Amino acid sequence: MDSENLSPALLRAGQEYLASLRRLRLNPEGLLWARVNETQMVKDSATGMQFDAGGLGEWHLVLVTGAIDEAGPSALNELLFKAYDASATPKEISPFIVEVMSAKSPFVSQLLIALNNPVGPIAITSGTTGGKSYRQDIDPYEGQQMVAGLWFDRKWIYHLTGLHARHAERKRSWKDFKQSVNALAA
């Protein structure tokens, strides 16, 4: 999809995906669409210098859940694939585009800071793998914003609590979800 905006079909499919997860007894802390920021190095013909002219990459449905802290990403993804194969989740959303994250992840932390800031635009300082840091200005009320390398928009967020589930709740939720999905395959 080349458009900067999320298609109505994907927007509806995301709502259905959240409802499907809840029917399978997984109550995520968050679900939202995001796009990966792709780095595109461009050479200025006049100066010969290269610069980053970032672009928008593929759509990802970001699933924020304590289940990843309880069982790990492989076990969670395995169940998401089983649910998809059993037609328990919308066919429009391949498990390959679902990005699972812990509520403790840097992306979620920075997203919550950006969304909950009552004073307007803020700046987030992030580190790169090379040890350099960069400053990113964010105004959460101005449409699409980039946080931790992912573009988001308030309109693409279905659910986001910002609360960390307790260990006992994560364990119970994981067990319930696992049983529900495994019952589909039986």
N, C-alpha and C. Protein backbone atom coordinates (compact mmCIF):
# COMPACT_ATOMS: atom_id res chain seq x y z
N MET A 1 0.85 -1.17 0.00
CA MET A 1 0.00 0.00 0.00
C MET A 1 0.89 1.24 0.00
N ASP A 2 0.72 2.11 -0.99
CA ASP A 2 1.59 3.27 -1.13
C ASP A 2 1.05 4.51 -0.44
N SER A 3 -0.20 4.52 -0.09
CA SER A 3 -0.83 5.68 0.51
C SER A 3 -0.31 5.93 1.92
N GLU A 4 -0.25 7.22 2.29
CA GLU A 4 0.14 7.55 3.65
C GLU A 4 -0.98 7.24 4.63
N ASN A 5 -2.21 7.14 4.12
CA ASN A 5 -3.35 6.91 5.00
C ASN A 5 -3.73 5.44 5.00
N LEU A 6 -4.22 5.02 6.12
CA LEU A 6 -4.68 3.64 6.29
C LEU A 6 -6.01 3.47 5.54
N SER A 7 -6.11 2.40 4.76
CA SER A 7 -7.34 2.18 3.99
C SER A 7 -8.49 1.84 4.94
N PRO A 8 -9.72 2.18 4.54
CA PRO A 8 -10.87 1.83 5.37
C PRO A 8 -10.98 0.32 5.60
N ALA A 9 -10.57 -0.48 4.61
CA ALA A 9 -10.64 -1.94 4.76
C ALA A 9 -9.70 -2.42 5.87
N LEU A 10 -8.47 -1.89 5.91
CA LEU A 10 -7.54 -2.28 6.98
C LEU A 10 -7.99 -1.73 8.33
N LEU A 11 -8.57 -0.54 8.32
CA LEU A 11 -9.07 0.03 9.57
C LEU A 11 -10.16 -0.86 10.17
N ARG A 12 -11.08 -1.33 9.34
CA ARG A 12 -12.14 -2.24 9.79
C ARG A 12 -11.55 -3.59 10.23
N ALA A 13 -10.59 -4.09 9.45
CA ALA A 13 -9.98 -5.38 9.77
C ALA A 13 -9.27 -5.32 11.13
N GLY A 14 -8.68 -4.19 11.45
CA GLY A 14 -8.03 -4.04 12.75
C GLY A 14 -9.04 -4.09 13.89
N GLN A 15 -10.20 -3.48 13.68
CA GLN A 15 -11.26 -3.55 14.69
C GLN A 15 -11.72 -5.00 14.88
N GLU A 16 -11.87 -5.70 13.76
CA GLU A 16 -12.28 -7.11 13.82
C GLU A 16 -11.20 -7.96 14.50
N TYR A 17 -9.94 -7.62 14.26
CA TYR A 17 -8.84 -8.36 14.86
C TYR A 17 -8.87 -8.24 16.39
N LEU A 18 -9.10 -7.01 16.87
CA LEU A 18 -9.20 -6.80 18.31
C LEU A 18 -10.37 -7.59 18.89
N ALA A 19 -11.51 -7.56 18.22
CA ALA A 19 -12.67 -8.33 18.69
C ALA A 19 -12.35 -9.83 18.69
N SER A 20 -11.64 -10.29 17.67
CA SER A 20 -11.27 -11.71 17.59
C SER A 20 -10.35 -12.11 18.74
N LEU A 21 -9.36 -11.27 19.03
CA LEU A 21 -8.46 -11.57 20.14
C LEU A 21 -9.22 -11.65 21.45
N ARG A 22 -10.15 -10.75 21.63
CA ARG A 22 -10.93 -10.75 22.88
C ARG A 22 -11.81 -11.99 22.96
N ARG A 23 -12.37 -12.43 21.83
CA ARG A 23 -13.17 -13.67 21.83
C ARG A 23 -12.29 -14.87 22.18
N LEU A 24 -11.02 -14.79 21.80
CA LEU A 24 -10.07 -15.85 22.13
C LEU A 24 -9.47 -15.67 23.54
N ARG A 25 -10.01 -14.72 24.28
CA ARG A 25 -9.64 -14.45 25.68
C ARG A 25 -8.24 -13.87 25.84
N LEU A 26 -7.79 -13.12 24.83
CA LEU A 26 -6.56 -12.33 24.97
C LEU A 26 -6.99 -10.87 24.99
N ASN A 27 -6.77 -10.21 26.10
CA ASN A 27 -7.12 -8.80 26.23
C ASN A 27 -5.85 -7.96 26.19
N PRO A 28 -5.48 -7.52 24.99
CA PRO A 28 -4.21 -6.79 24.87
C PRO A 28 -4.25 -5.43 25.55
N GLU A 29 -3.06 -4.98 25.94
CA GLU A 29 -2.94 -3.64 26.51
C GLU A 29 -3.02 -2.59 25.40
N GLY A 30 -2.79 -3.02 24.16
CA GLY A 30 -2.87 -2.08 23.06
C GLY A 30 -2.95 -2.77 21.71
N LEU A 31 -3.56 -2.07 20.76
CA LEU A 31 -3.59 -2.51 19.38
C LEU A 31 -3.68 -1.26 18.51
N LEU A 32 -2.76 -1.11 17.58
CA LEU A 32 -2.73 0.06 16.72
C LEU A 32 -1.97 -0.25 15.44
N TRP A 33 -2.26 0.53 14.42
CA TRP A 33 -1.53 0.43 13.17
C TRP A 33 -0.34 1.38 13.23
N ALA A 34 0.74 0.97 12.61
CA ALA A 34 1.93 1.82 12.49
C ALA A 34 2.62 1.47 11.18
N ARG A 35 3.47 2.37 10.74
CA ARG A 35 4.27 2.13 9.53
C ARG A 35 5.73 2.29 9.89
N VAL A 36 6.53 1.42 9.33
CA VAL A 36 7.97 1.48 9.56
C VAL A 36 8.53 2.68 8.81
N ASN A 37 9.45 3.40 9.44
CA ASN A 37 10.15 4.49 8.78
C ASN A 37 11.31 3.89 8.01
N GLU A 38 11.27 3.99 6.70
CA GLU A 38 12.35 3.45 5.87
C GLU A 38 13.38 4.54 5.60
N THR A 39 14.62 4.19 5.79
CA THR A 39 15.70 5.13 5.49
C THR A 39 16.01 5.07 4.01
N GLN A 40 16.00 6.22 3.39
CA GLN A 40 16.36 6.31 1.97
C GLN A 40 17.46 7.35 1.84
N MET A 41 18.65 6.88 1.53
CA MET A 41 19.76 7.81 1.36
C MET A 41 19.68 8.41 -0.04
N VAL A 42 19.70 9.73 -0.11
CA VAL A 42 19.58 10.46 -1.36
C VAL A 42 20.83 11.31 -1.52
N LYS A 43 21.34 11.32 -2.75
CA LYS A 43 22.54 12.11 -3.03
C LYS A 43 22.12 13.41 -3.70
N ASP A 44 22.55 14.54 -3.12
CA ASP A 44 22.27 15.85 -3.67
C ASP A 44 23.20 16.04 -4.87
N SER A 45 22.62 16.22 -6.06
CA SER A 45 23.44 16.31 -7.27
C SER A 45 24.31 17.57 -7.28
N ALA A 46 23.86 18.62 -6.62
CA ALA A 46 24.63 19.87 -6.63
C ALA A 46 25.85 19.79 -5.71
N THR A 47 25.68 19.22 -4.52
CA THR A 47 26.78 19.20 -3.55
C THR A 47 27.48 17.86 -3.46
N GLY A 48 26.82 16.81 -3.93
CA GLY A 48 27.39 15.47 -3.82
C GLY A 48 27.20 14.85 -2.44
N MET A 49 26.56 15.57 -1.52
CA MET A 49 26.35 15.07 -0.16
C MET A 49 25.14 14.15 -0.13
N GLN A 50 25.18 13.17 0.80
CA GLN A 50 24.06 12.27 0.98
C GLN A 50 23.29 12.66 2.23
N PHE A 51 21.99 12.48 2.18
CA PHE A 51 21.17 12.74 3.36
C PHE A 51 20.02 11.76 3.40
N ASP A 52 19.43 11.63 4.58
CA ASP A 52 18.32 10.72 4.79
C ASP A 52 17.03 11.42 4.39
N ALA A 53 16.34 10.84 3.41
CA ALA A 53 15.05 11.37 2.99
C ALA A 53 13.99 10.33 3.33
N GLY A 54 13.93 9.94 4.57
CA GLY A 54 13.07 8.85 5.05
C GLY A 54 11.74 8.76 4.34
N GLY A 55 11.24 7.56 4.26
CA GLY A 55 9.97 7.32 3.62
C GLY A 55 9.13 6.39 4.47
N LEU A 56 7.91 6.15 4.00
CA LEU A 56 7.01 5.27 4.73
C LEU A 56 7.13 3.86 4.20
N GLY A 57 7.25 2.91 5.12
CA GLY A 57 7.37 1.51 4.76
C GLY A 57 6.04 0.79 4.89
N GLU A 58 6.13 -0.48 5.17
CA GLU A 58 4.97 -1.36 5.25
C GLU A 58 4.12 -1.09 6.50
N TRP A 59 2.84 -1.42 6.40
CA TRP A 59 1.93 -1.33 7.54
C TRP A 59 2.18 -2.50 8.48
N HIS A 60 2.12 -2.22 9.77
CA HIS A 60 2.21 -3.24 10.81
C HIS A 60 1.08 -3.00 11.80
N LEU A 61 0.46 -4.08 12.23
CA LEU A 61 -0.53 -4.00 13.30
C LEU A 61 0.23 -4.31 14.58
N VAL A 62 0.40 -3.34 15.43
CA VAL A 62 1.19 -3.49 16.65
C VAL A 62 0.28 -4.00 17.76
N LEU A 63 0.60 -5.18 18.26
CA LEU A 63 -0.14 -5.81 19.34
C LEU A 63 0.69 -5.71 20.61
N VAL A 64 0.18 -4.97 21.58
CA VAL A 64 0.86 -4.77 22.85
C VAL A 64 0.18 -5.68 23.87
N THR A 65 0.96 -6.63 24.41
CA THR A 65 0.37 -7.59 25.34
C THR A 65 1.40 -8.12 26.33
N GLY A 66 0.93 -8.37 27.54
CA GLY A 66 1.76 -8.99 28.56
C GLY A 66 2.03 -10.45 28.27
N ALA A 67 1.29 -11.03 27.31
CA ALA A 67 1.52 -12.43 26.94
C ALA A 67 2.94 -12.64 26.43
N ILE A 68 3.50 -11.61 25.81
CA ILE A 68 4.87 -11.72 25.30
C ILE A 68 5.86 -11.80 26.46
N ASP A 69 5.54 -11.14 27.58
CA ASP A 69 6.40 -11.22 28.77
C ASP A 69 6.25 -12.58 29.46
N GLU A 70 5.08 -13.16 29.33
CA GLU A 70 4.80 -14.44 29.99
C GLU A 70 5.37 -15.62 29.22
N ALA A 71 5.18 -15.65 27.91
CA ALA A 71 5.53 -16.83 27.12
C ALA A 71 6.60 -16.59 26.06
N GLY A 72 6.89 -15.33 25.76
CA GLY A 72 7.87 -15.03 24.74
C GLY A 72 7.24 -14.82 23.37
N PRO A 73 7.96 -14.15 22.47
CA PRO A 73 7.39 -13.83 21.16
C PRO A 73 7.12 -15.05 20.28
N SER A 74 7.96 -16.06 20.35
CA SER A 74 7.76 -17.24 19.49
C SER A 74 6.47 -17.97 19.82
N ALA A 75 6.22 -18.20 21.10
CA ALA A 75 5.00 -18.89 21.51
C ALA A 75 3.76 -18.07 21.16
N LEU A 76 3.84 -16.76 21.36
CA LEU A 76 2.71 -15.90 21.03
C LEU A 76 2.45 -15.90 19.53
N ASN A 77 3.50 -15.75 18.74
CA ASN A 77 3.33 -15.76 17.28
C ASN A 77 2.79 -17.10 16.79
N GLU A 78 3.22 -18.18 17.40
CA GLU A 78 2.72 -19.50 17.01
C GLU A 78 1.20 -19.57 17.19
N LEU A 79 0.72 -19.05 18.31
CA LEU A 79 -0.73 -19.07 18.55
C LEU A 79 -1.47 -18.11 17.62
N LEU A 80 -0.85 -16.98 17.30
CA LEU A 80 -1.49 -16.06 16.36
C LEU A 80 -1.62 -16.70 14.98
N PHE A 81 -0.61 -17.47 14.57
CA PHE A 81 -0.69 -18.19 13.30
C PHE A 81 -1.77 -19.27 13.35
N LYS A 82 -1.85 -19.99 14.47
CA LYS A 82 -2.89 -21.03 14.61
C LYS A 82 -4.27 -20.41 14.52
N ALA A 83 -4.47 -19.29 15.19
CA ALA A 83 -5.76 -18.61 15.15
C ALA A 83 -6.09 -18.15 13.73
N TYR A 84 -5.11 -17.65 13.03
CA TYR A 84 -5.30 -17.21 11.64
C TYR A 84 -5.65 -18.40 10.74
N ASP A 85 -4.89 -19.48 10.89
CA ASP A 85 -5.14 -20.68 10.07
C ASP A 85 -6.51 -21.29 10.35
N ALA A 86 -7.02 -21.11 11.56
CA ALA A 86 -8.34 -21.63 11.92
C ALA A 86 -9.45 -20.62 11.60
N SER A 87 -9.08 -19.54 10.90
CA SER A 87 -10.03 -18.47 10.53
C SER A 87 -10.68 -17.80 11.73
N ALA A 88 -9.97 -17.76 12.84
CA ALA A 88 -10.49 -17.10 14.05
C ALA A 88 -10.12 -15.62 14.08
N THR A 89 -9.24 -15.20 13.17
CA THR A 89 -8.89 -13.78 13.02
C THR A 89 -9.12 -13.40 11.57
N PRO A 90 -9.30 -12.11 11.27
CA PRO A 90 -9.60 -11.68 9.90
C PRO A 90 -8.49 -12.07 8.91
N LYS A 91 -8.88 -12.57 7.76
CA LYS A 91 -7.92 -12.97 6.72
C LYS A 91 -7.16 -11.78 6.15
N GLU A 92 -7.70 -10.57 6.30
CA GLU A 92 -7.02 -9.37 5.78
C GLU A 92 -5.74 -9.06 6.55
N ILE A 93 -5.62 -9.65 7.75
CA ILE A 93 -4.45 -9.36 8.58
C ILE A 93 -3.64 -10.64 8.74
N SER A 94 -2.61 -10.73 7.93
CA SER A 94 -1.69 -11.86 8.00
C SER A 94 -0.88 -11.75 9.29
N PRO A 95 -0.60 -12.86 9.94
CA PRO A 95 0.24 -12.82 11.13
C PRO A 95 1.64 -12.24 10.86
N PHE A 96 2.04 -12.24 9.60
CA PHE A 96 3.34 -11.69 9.24
C PHE A 96 3.41 -10.17 9.43
N ILE A 97 2.25 -9.50 9.44
CA ILE A 97 2.27 -8.04 9.63
C ILE A 97 1.94 -7.63 11.06
N VAL A 98 1.67 -8.61 11.92
CA VAL A 98 1.39 -8.31 13.32
C VAL A 98 2.71 -8.25 14.07
N GLU A 99 2.99 -7.12 14.65
CA GLU A 99 4.22 -6.93 15.41
C GLU A 99 3.86 -6.96 16.89
N VAL A 100 4.37 -7.98 17.59
CA VAL A 100 4.04 -8.12 19.00
C VAL A 100 5.07 -7.38 19.85
N MET A 101 4.56 -6.67 20.85
CA MET A 101 5.42 -5.88 21.74
C MET A 101 4.93 -5.99 23.17
N SER A 102 5.86 -5.89 24.06
CA SER A 102 5.55 -5.80 25.48
C SER A 102 5.13 -4.37 25.80
N ALA A 103 4.30 -4.23 26.82
CA ALA A 103 3.94 -2.89 27.29
C ALA A 103 5.17 -2.18 27.86
N LYS A 104 6.23 -2.95 28.12
CA LYS A 104 7.47 -2.40 28.66
C LYS A 104 8.44 -1.95 27.56
N SER A 105 8.06 -2.11 26.29
CA SER A 105 8.97 -1.78 25.19
C SER A 105 9.20 -0.28 25.09
N PRO A 106 10.36 0.13 24.56
CA PRO A 106 10.64 1.57 24.39
C PRO A 106 9.60 2.26 23.49
N PHE A 107 9.14 1.57 22.45
CA PHE A 107 8.14 2.19 21.57
C PHE A 107 6.88 2.55 22.34
N VAL A 108 6.38 1.61 23.15
CA VAL A 108 5.15 1.86 23.90
C VAL A 108 5.37 2.98 24.92
N SER A 109 6.50 2.96 25.60
CA SER A 109 6.80 4.02 26.57
C SER A 109 6.82 5.39 25.91
N GLN A 110 7.51 5.49 24.77
CA GLN A 110 7.60 6.77 24.07
C GLN A 110 6.26 7.19 23.47
N LEU A 111 5.50 6.22 22.99
CA LEU A 111 4.18 6.52 22.45
C LEU A 111 3.27 7.09 23.53
N LEU A 112 3.29 6.47 24.71
CA LEU A 112 2.46 6.97 25.81
C LEU A 112 2.88 8.37 26.24
N ILE A 113 4.17 8.63 26.24
CA ILE A 113 4.64 9.99 26.57
C ILE A 113 4.10 10.98 25.55
N ALA A 114 4.20 10.63 24.27
CA ALA A 114 3.73 11.53 23.22
C ALA A 114 2.22 11.76 23.30
N LEU A 115 1.46 10.71 23.57
CA LEU A 115 0.00 10.83 23.59
C LEU A 115 -0.53 11.51 24.84
N ASN A 116 0.15 11.35 25.95
CA ASN A 116 -0.36 11.86 27.22
C ASN A 116 0.22 13.20 27.63
N ASN A 117 0.96 13.83 26.76
CA ASN A 117 1.58 15.10 27.11
C ASN A 117 0.55 16.23 26.98
N PRO A 118 0.14 16.84 28.09
CA PRO A 118 -0.90 17.87 28.05
C PRO A 118 -0.41 19.23 27.55
N VAL A 119 0.90 19.42 27.45
CA VAL A 119 1.40 20.75 27.10
C VAL A 119 1.72 20.92 25.63
N GLY A 120 1.47 19.92 24.80
CA GLY A 120 1.69 20.07 23.37
C GLY A 120 2.96 19.39 22.90
N PRO A 121 3.62 19.99 21.91
CA PRO A 121 4.78 19.35 21.31
C PRO A 121 5.88 19.04 22.32
N ILE A 122 6.53 17.91 22.11
CA ILE A 122 7.62 17.49 22.98
C ILE A 122 8.77 17.01 22.11
N ALA A 123 9.87 16.68 22.72
CA ALA A 123 11.00 16.09 22.01
C ALA A 123 11.41 14.84 22.76
N ILE A 124 11.69 13.79 22.01
CA ILE A 124 12.17 12.54 22.59
C ILE A 124 13.59 12.34 22.10
N THR A 125 14.48 12.04 23.00
CA THR A 125 15.85 11.74 22.61
C THR A 125 16.04 10.24 22.61
N SER A 126 16.50 9.72 21.48
CA SER A 126 16.68 8.29 21.33
C SER A 126 18.12 7.99 20.96
N GLY A 127 18.55 6.77 21.28
CA GLY A 127 19.89 6.34 20.93
C GLY A 127 19.87 5.46 19.70
N THR A 128 20.95 5.43 18.97
CA THR A 128 21.08 4.55 17.81
C THR A 128 22.03 3.42 18.17
N THR A 129 22.11 2.43 17.31
CA THR A 129 23.00 1.30 17.58
C THR A 129 24.45 1.73 17.56
N GLY A 130 24.76 2.83 16.89
CA GLY A 130 26.13 3.33 16.85
C GLY A 130 26.51 4.16 18.06
N GLY A 131 25.60 4.29 19.01
CA GLY A 131 25.90 5.03 20.22
C GLY A 131 25.58 6.52 20.14
N LYS A 132 25.16 7.00 18.98
CA LYS A 132 24.79 8.41 18.83
C LYS A 132 23.35 8.60 19.28
N SER A 133 23.04 9.79 19.72
CA SER A 133 21.65 10.07 20.08
C SER A 133 21.11 11.12 19.13
N TYR A 134 19.80 11.10 18.97
CA TYR A 134 19.16 12.10 18.13
C TYR A 134 17.89 12.57 18.81
N ARG A 135 17.51 13.78 18.48
CA ARG A 135 16.34 14.41 19.07
C ARG A 135 15.22 14.39 18.03
N GLN A 136 14.04 14.03 18.49
CA GLN A 136 12.89 13.97 17.59
C GLN A 136 11.76 14.79 18.19
N ASP A 137 11.34 15.82 17.47
CA ASP A 137 10.22 16.65 17.92
C ASP A 137 8.92 15.96 17.56
N ILE A 138 7.99 15.96 18.49
CA ILE A 138 6.71 15.29 18.29
C ILE A 138 5.58 16.20 18.75
N ASP A 139 4.57 16.35 17.91
CA ASP A 139 3.34 17.02 18.29
C ASP A 139 2.21 16.02 18.09
N PRO A 140 1.73 15.40 19.17
CA PRO A 140 0.74 14.32 19.03
C PRO A 140 -0.60 14.76 18.48
N TYR A 141 -0.82 16.05 18.33
CA TYR A 141 -2.10 16.53 17.81
C TYR A 141 -2.02 16.87 16.32
N GLU A 142 -0.89 16.62 15.70
CA GLU A 142 -0.67 16.96 14.30
C GLU A 142 -0.62 15.74 13.40
N GLY A 143 -1.63 14.92 13.38
CA GLY A 143 -1.70 13.79 12.46
C GLY A 143 -0.63 12.75 12.71
N GLN A 144 0.03 12.31 11.65
CA GLN A 144 1.00 11.24 11.75
C GLN A 144 2.31 11.72 12.38
N GLN A 145 2.79 10.92 13.32
CA GLN A 145 4.03 11.23 14.02
C GLN A 145 4.90 9.98 14.05
N MET A 146 6.20 10.18 14.14
CA MET A 146 7.09 9.03 14.24
C MET A 146 7.61 8.89 15.66
N VAL A 147 7.51 7.69 16.20
CA VAL A 147 8.03 7.37 17.52
C VAL A 147 8.82 6.07 17.38
N ALA A 148 10.08 6.11 17.81
CA ALA A 148 10.94 4.92 17.81
C ALA A 148 10.95 4.20 16.46
N GLY A 149 11.00 4.96 15.38
CA GLY A 149 11.10 4.38 14.05
C GLY A 149 9.79 3.91 13.43
N LEU A 150 8.67 4.15 14.13
CA LEU A 150 7.36 3.77 13.59
C LEU A 150 6.46 5.00 13.52
N TRP A 151 5.77 5.16 12.39
CA TRP A 151 4.80 6.23 12.23
C TRP A 151 3.47 5.79 12.81
N PHE A 152 2.81 6.66 13.53
CA PHE A 152 1.49 6.36 14.07
C PHE A 152 0.62 7.60 13.94
N ASP A 153 -0.66 7.39 14.10
CA ASP A 153 -1.65 8.47 14.09
C ASP A 153 -2.70 8.10 15.13
N ARG A 154 -3.22 9.05 15.84
CA ARG A 154 -4.24 8.77 16.85
C ARG A 154 -5.42 8.00 16.26
N LYS A 155 -5.73 8.26 14.98
CA LYS A 155 -6.87 7.59 14.33
C LYS A 155 -6.62 6.10 14.13
N TRP A 156 -5.37 5.66 14.22
CA TRP A 156 -5.02 4.26 13.98
C TRP A 156 -4.95 3.44 15.26
N ILE A 157 -5.23 4.07 16.41
CA ILE A 157 -5.14 3.38 17.69
C ILE A 157 -6.54 2.88 18.08
N TYR A 158 -6.66 1.57 18.25
CA TYR A 158 -7.93 0.98 18.67
C TYR A 158 -8.04 0.95 20.19
N HIS A 159 -6.92 0.64 20.82
CA HIS A 159 -6.92 0.43 22.27
C HIS A 159 -5.49 0.59 22.76
N LEU A 160 -5.30 1.36 23.83
CA LEU A 160 -3.97 1.51 24.43
C LEU A 160 -4.16 1.95 25.87
N THR A 161 -3.83 1.05 26.81
CA THR A 161 -4.09 1.37 28.21
C THR A 161 -2.90 2.02 28.89
N GLY A 162 -1.71 1.59 28.56
CA GLY A 162 -0.53 2.10 29.24
C GLY A 162 -0.30 1.45 30.59
N LEU A 163 -1.13 0.47 30.92
CA LEU A 163 -0.99 -0.22 32.19
C LEU A 163 -0.26 -1.54 31.99
N HIS A 164 0.58 -1.88 32.92
CA HIS A 164 1.28 -3.17 32.88
C HIS A 164 0.45 -4.17 33.68
N ALA A 165 0.17 -5.30 33.07
CA ALA A 165 -0.58 -6.33 33.78
C ALA A 165 0.30 -6.97 34.84
N ARG A 166 -0.29 -7.33 35.95
CA ARG A 166 0.44 -8.05 37.00
C ARG A 166 0.80 -9.43 36.51
N HIS A 167 1.82 -10.01 37.13
CA HIS A 167 2.30 -11.32 36.71
C HIS A 167 1.18 -12.36 36.73
N ALA A 168 0.39 -12.40 37.78
CA ALA A 168 -0.69 -13.39 37.89
C ALA A 168 -1.72 -13.19 36.77
N GLU A 169 -2.02 -11.93 36.45
CA GLU A 169 -2.98 -11.63 35.38
C GLU A 169 -2.41 -12.04 34.02
N ARG A 170 -1.12 -11.74 33.79
CA ARG A 170 -0.48 -12.14 32.53
C ARG A 170 -0.51 -13.65 32.37
N LYS A 171 -0.20 -14.35 33.46
CA LYS A 171 -0.16 -15.81 33.43
C LYS A 171 -1.55 -16.39 33.12
N ARG A 172 -2.58 -15.86 33.78
CA ARG A 172 -3.94 -16.34 33.55
C ARG A 172 -4.38 -16.02 32.13
N SER A 173 -4.11 -14.81 31.66
CA SER A 173 -4.50 -14.40 30.32
C SER A 173 -3.82 -15.27 29.27
N TRP A 174 -2.53 -15.54 29.47
CA TRP A 174 -1.80 -16.38 28.53
C TRP A 174 -2.39 -17.79 28.49
N LYS A 175 -2.70 -18.34 29.65
CA LYS A 175 -3.26 -19.69 29.74
C LYS A 175 -4.62 -19.74 29.03
N ASP A 176 -5.47 -18.74 29.28
CA ASP A 176 -6.79 -18.69 28.66
C ASP A 176 -6.68 -18.59 27.14
N PHE A 177 -5.80 -17.72 26.65
CA PHE A 177 -5.62 -17.53 25.21
C PHE A 177 -5.09 -18.82 24.57
N LYS A 178 -4.12 -19.44 25.20
CA LYS A 178 -3.53 -20.67 24.68
C LYS A 178 -4.58 -21.77 24.58
N GLN A 179 -5.38 -21.91 25.63
CA GLN A 179 -6.45 -22.93 25.61
C GLN A 179 -7.48 -22.65 24.52
N SER A 180 -7.85 -21.38 24.36
CA SER A 180 -8.84 -21.02 23.35
C SER A 180 -8.35 -21.32 21.93
N VAL A 181 -7.11 -20.96 21.65
CA VAL A 181 -6.57 -21.18 20.32
C VAL A 181 -6.36 -22.67 20.07
N ASN A 182 -5.82 -23.37 21.04
CA ASN A 182 -5.60 -24.81 20.87
C ASN A 182 -6.92 -25.56 20.71
N ALA A 183 -7.99 -25.07 21.31
CA ALA A 183 -9.30 -25.70 21.15
C ALA A 183 -9.81 -25.55 19.72
N LEU A 184 -9.38 -24.49 19.01
CA LEU A 184 -9.77 -24.29 17.62
C LEU A 184 -9.20 -25.40 16.73
N ALA A 185 -7.98 -25.80 17.03
CA ALA A 185 -7.29 -26.78 16.20
C ALA A 185 -7.77 -28.21 16.51
N ALA A 186 -8.39 -28.38 17.65
CA ALA A 186 -8.83 -29.73 18.05
C ALA A 186 -10.06 -30.20 17.31
